[in-house]
């Protein structure tokens, strides 16, 4: 029986230890990537920061700002 790819994905809070992997994805994807310091600041300022992993590898990430008035995916 095949396992659906989504069954192997874990979403969790972003940690400072994830920043190098996040930056590697960011810099490979965007012409003007956020710096490591920007990601560190987002975690320190308590933005809504999450990563998707397959328990061994970081697959993706999201940084957002959610308030009762408005929300932004940064």
N, C-alpha and C. Protein backbone atom coordinates (compact mmCIF):
# COMPACT_ATOMS: atom_id res chain seq x y z
N UNK A 1 0.84 -1.18 0.00
CA UNK A 1 0.00 0.00 0.00
C UNK A 1 0.89 1.24 0.00
N UNK A 2 0.60 2.18 -0.88
CA UNK A 2 1.36 3.43 -0.96
C UNK A 2 0.91 4.39 0.14
N UNK A 3 1.85 5.20 0.59
CA UNK A 3 1.55 6.22 1.59
C UNK A 3 1.46 7.57 0.90
N UNK A 4 0.44 8.32 1.21
CA UNK A 4 0.28 9.65 0.65
C UNK A 4 1.43 10.54 1.14
N UNK A 5 2.00 11.38 0.26
CA UNK A 5 3.10 12.26 0.69
C UNK A 5 2.74 13.14 1.87
N UNK A 6 1.48 13.54 1.99
CA UNK A 6 1.10 14.42 3.10
C UNK A 6 1.14 13.71 4.44
N UNK A 7 1.11 12.39 4.44
CA UNK A 7 1.17 11.66 5.69
C UNK A 7 2.55 11.74 6.33
N UNK A 8 3.56 12.11 5.55
CA UNK A 8 4.92 12.19 6.05
C UNK A 8 5.35 13.61 6.38
N UNK A 9 4.44 14.58 6.28
CA UNK A 9 4.79 15.98 6.50
C UNK A 9 4.35 16.41 7.89
N UNK A 10 5.27 17.03 8.60
CA UNK A 10 5.02 17.56 9.93
C UNK A 10 5.14 19.07 9.86
N UNK A 11 4.17 19.79 10.41
CA UNK A 11 4.23 21.25 10.49
C UNK A 11 4.46 21.60 11.95
N UNK A 12 5.47 22.42 12.18
CA UNK A 12 5.80 22.81 13.55
C UNK A 12 6.31 24.24 13.58
N UNK A 13 6.46 24.76 14.78
CA UNK A 13 6.99 26.10 14.97
C UNK A 13 8.43 26.17 14.45
N UNK A 14 8.80 27.31 13.91
CA UNK A 14 10.15 27.54 13.41
C UNK A 14 11.09 27.78 14.59
N UNK A 15 12.27 27.17 14.54
CA UNK A 15 13.29 27.36 15.57
C UNK A 15 14.48 28.11 14.98
N UNK A 16 15.24 28.77 15.84
CA UNK A 16 16.45 29.43 15.38
C UNK A 16 17.39 28.45 14.68
N UNK A 17 17.39 27.21 15.11
CA UNK A 17 18.26 26.20 14.49
C UNK A 17 17.85 25.86 13.05
N UNK A 18 16.67 26.29 12.62
CA UNK A 18 16.19 26.05 11.25
C UNK A 18 16.67 27.11 10.26
N UNK A 19 17.21 28.21 10.75
CA UNK A 19 17.43 29.38 9.91
C UNK A 19 18.37 29.11 8.73
N UNK A 20 19.41 28.35 8.91
CA UNK A 20 20.33 28.10 7.79
C UNK A 20 19.61 27.33 6.67
N UNK A 21 18.83 26.32 7.04
CA UNK A 21 18.07 25.57 6.03
C UNK A 21 17.03 26.46 5.35
N UNK A 22 16.38 27.31 6.13
CA UNK A 22 15.39 28.24 5.57
C UNK A 22 16.07 29.20 4.60
N UNK A 23 17.21 29.74 5.01
CA UNK A 23 17.92 30.67 4.13
C UNK A 23 18.38 29.98 2.84
N UNK A 24 18.79 28.74 2.92
CA UNK A 24 19.19 28.01 1.71
C UNK A 24 18.03 27.89 0.73
N UNK A 25 16.83 27.61 1.23
CA UNK A 25 15.64 27.55 0.37
C UNK A 25 15.34 28.95 -0.17
N UNK A 26 15.35 29.93 0.71
CA UNK A 26 15.03 31.32 0.34
C UNK A 26 15.97 31.83 -0.75
N UNK A 27 17.26 31.62 -0.58
CA UNK A 27 18.22 32.15 -1.54
C UNK A 27 18.20 31.40 -2.87
N UNK A 28 17.78 30.15 -2.86
CA UNK A 28 17.67 29.38 -4.10
C UNK A 28 16.39 29.72 -4.86
N UNK A 29 15.43 30.34 -4.17
CA UNK A 29 14.11 30.58 -4.75
C UNK A 29 13.91 32.02 -5.21
N UNK A 30 14.47 32.97 -4.50
CA UNK A 30 14.18 34.39 -4.77
C UNK A 30 15.43 35.14 -5.23
N UNK A 31 15.22 36.10 -6.12
CA UNK A 31 16.31 36.95 -6.57
C UNK A 31 16.80 37.89 -5.46
N UNK A 32 15.89 38.28 -4.59
CA UNK A 32 16.23 39.17 -3.48
C UNK A 32 15.78 38.53 -2.16
N UNK A 33 16.52 37.55 -1.69
CA UNK A 33 16.09 36.79 -0.50
C UNK A 33 16.20 37.60 0.78
N UNK A 34 15.35 37.23 1.73
CA UNK A 34 15.50 37.77 3.08
C UNK A 34 16.82 37.27 3.65
N UNK A 35 17.41 38.06 4.51
CA UNK A 35 18.67 37.67 5.16
C UNK A 35 18.38 36.76 6.36
N UNK A 36 19.42 36.13 6.82
CA UNK A 36 19.31 35.31 8.03
C UNK A 36 18.83 36.18 9.21
N UNK A 37 19.32 37.41 9.28
CA UNK A 37 18.91 38.31 10.37
C UNK A 37 17.42 38.62 10.34
N UNK A 38 16.85 38.75 9.15
CA UNK A 38 15.40 39.01 9.06
C UNK A 38 14.62 37.83 9.63
N UNK A 39 15.00 36.61 9.28
CA UNK A 39 14.31 35.44 9.83
C UNK A 39 14.49 35.37 11.35
N UNK A 40 15.69 35.67 11.83
CA UNK A 40 15.93 35.67 13.27
C UNK A 40 15.03 36.69 13.96
N UNK A 41 14.92 37.88 13.37
CA UNK A 41 14.05 38.92 13.94
C UNK A 41 12.59 38.49 13.97
N UNK A 42 12.14 37.81 12.92
CA UNK A 42 10.75 37.34 12.87
C UNK A 42 10.46 36.37 14.01
N UNK A 43 11.40 35.48 14.27
CA UNK A 43 11.23 34.55 15.39
C UNK A 43 11.26 35.30 16.72
N UNK A 44 12.23 36.20 16.87
CA UNK A 44 12.36 36.97 18.12
C UNK A 44 11.15 37.85 18.39
N UNK A 45 10.55 38.40 17.34
CA UNK A 45 9.38 39.29 17.49
C UNK A 45 8.07 38.51 17.60
N UNK A 46 8.18 37.20 17.61
CA UNK A 46 7.01 36.32 17.80
C UNK A 46 6.01 36.38 16.64
N UNK A 47 6.51 36.57 15.41
CA UNK A 47 5.63 36.42 14.25
C UNK A 47 5.20 34.96 14.20
N UNK A 48 4.20 34.68 13.43
CA UNK A 48 3.74 33.30 13.27
C UNK A 48 4.65 32.63 12.25
N UNK A 49 5.62 31.86 12.74
CA UNK A 49 6.66 31.26 11.90
C UNK A 49 6.58 29.73 12.03
N UNK A 50 6.37 29.07 10.89
CA UNK A 50 6.23 27.61 10.89
C UNK A 50 7.08 27.00 9.78
N UNK A 51 7.46 25.76 9.98
CA UNK A 51 8.17 25.00 8.96
C UNK A 51 7.45 23.69 8.71
N UNK A 52 7.63 23.18 7.50
CA UNK A 52 7.13 21.85 7.13
C UNK A 52 8.35 20.95 6.98
N UNK A 53 8.31 19.80 7.61
CA UNK A 53 9.42 18.85 7.52
C UNK A 53 8.87 17.47 7.20
N UNK A 54 9.75 16.60 6.76
CA UNK A 54 9.38 15.19 6.65
C UNK A 54 10.04 14.44 7.81
N UNK A 55 10.24 15.12 8.91
CA UNK A 55 10.85 14.65 10.16
C UNK A 55 12.36 14.60 10.08
N UNK A 56 12.95 14.63 8.89
CA UNK A 56 14.40 14.64 8.78
C UNK A 56 14.91 15.81 7.95
N UNK A 57 14.06 16.37 7.08
CA UNK A 57 14.47 17.44 6.18
C UNK A 57 13.44 18.55 6.19
N UNK A 58 13.93 19.80 6.21
CA UNK A 58 13.04 20.95 6.12
C UNK A 58 12.59 21.11 4.68
N UNK A 59 11.29 21.12 4.45
CA UNK A 59 10.73 21.17 3.10
C UNK A 59 10.24 22.55 2.71
N UNK A 60 9.79 23.34 3.68
CA UNK A 60 9.25 24.65 3.39
C UNK A 60 9.01 25.43 4.67
N UNK A 61 8.59 26.66 4.52
CA UNK A 61 8.39 27.53 5.68
C UNK A 61 7.38 28.61 5.36
N UNK A 62 6.83 29.22 6.40
CA UNK A 62 5.94 30.36 6.24
C UNK A 62 6.16 31.30 7.42
N UNK A 63 6.14 32.59 7.11
CA UNK A 63 6.18 33.63 8.13
C UNK A 63 4.95 34.48 7.89
N UNK A 64 4.16 34.66 8.93
CA UNK A 64 2.94 35.45 8.79
C UNK A 64 2.73 36.33 10.00
N UNK A 65 1.88 37.30 9.82
CA UNK A 65 1.47 38.19 10.89
C UNK A 65 -0.05 38.15 10.92
N UNK A 66 -0.59 37.62 12.00
CA UNK A 66 -2.04 37.45 12.11
C UNK A 66 -2.54 38.28 13.28
N UNK A 67 -3.47 39.18 12.99
CA UNK A 67 -4.08 40.01 14.02
C UNK A 67 -5.60 39.96 13.83
N UNK A 68 -6.35 40.44 14.80
CA UNK A 68 -7.82 40.44 14.62
C UNK A 68 -8.27 41.34 13.47
N UNK A 69 -7.49 42.34 13.11
CA UNK A 69 -7.89 43.28 12.07
C UNK A 69 -7.45 42.84 10.67
N UNK A 70 -6.22 42.32 10.56
CA UNK A 70 -5.70 41.92 9.25
C UNK A 70 -4.63 40.85 9.42
N UNK A 71 -4.36 40.17 8.35
CA UNK A 71 -3.34 39.14 8.35
C UNK A 71 -2.49 39.27 7.09
N UNK A 72 -1.22 38.90 7.23
CA UNK A 72 -0.29 38.96 6.10
C UNK A 72 0.57 37.71 6.06
N UNK A 73 0.74 37.15 4.89
CA UNK A 73 1.76 36.13 4.69
C UNK A 73 2.97 36.88 4.19
N UNK A 74 4.02 36.87 4.98
CA UNK A 74 5.19 37.68 4.68
C UNK A 74 6.18 36.92 3.83
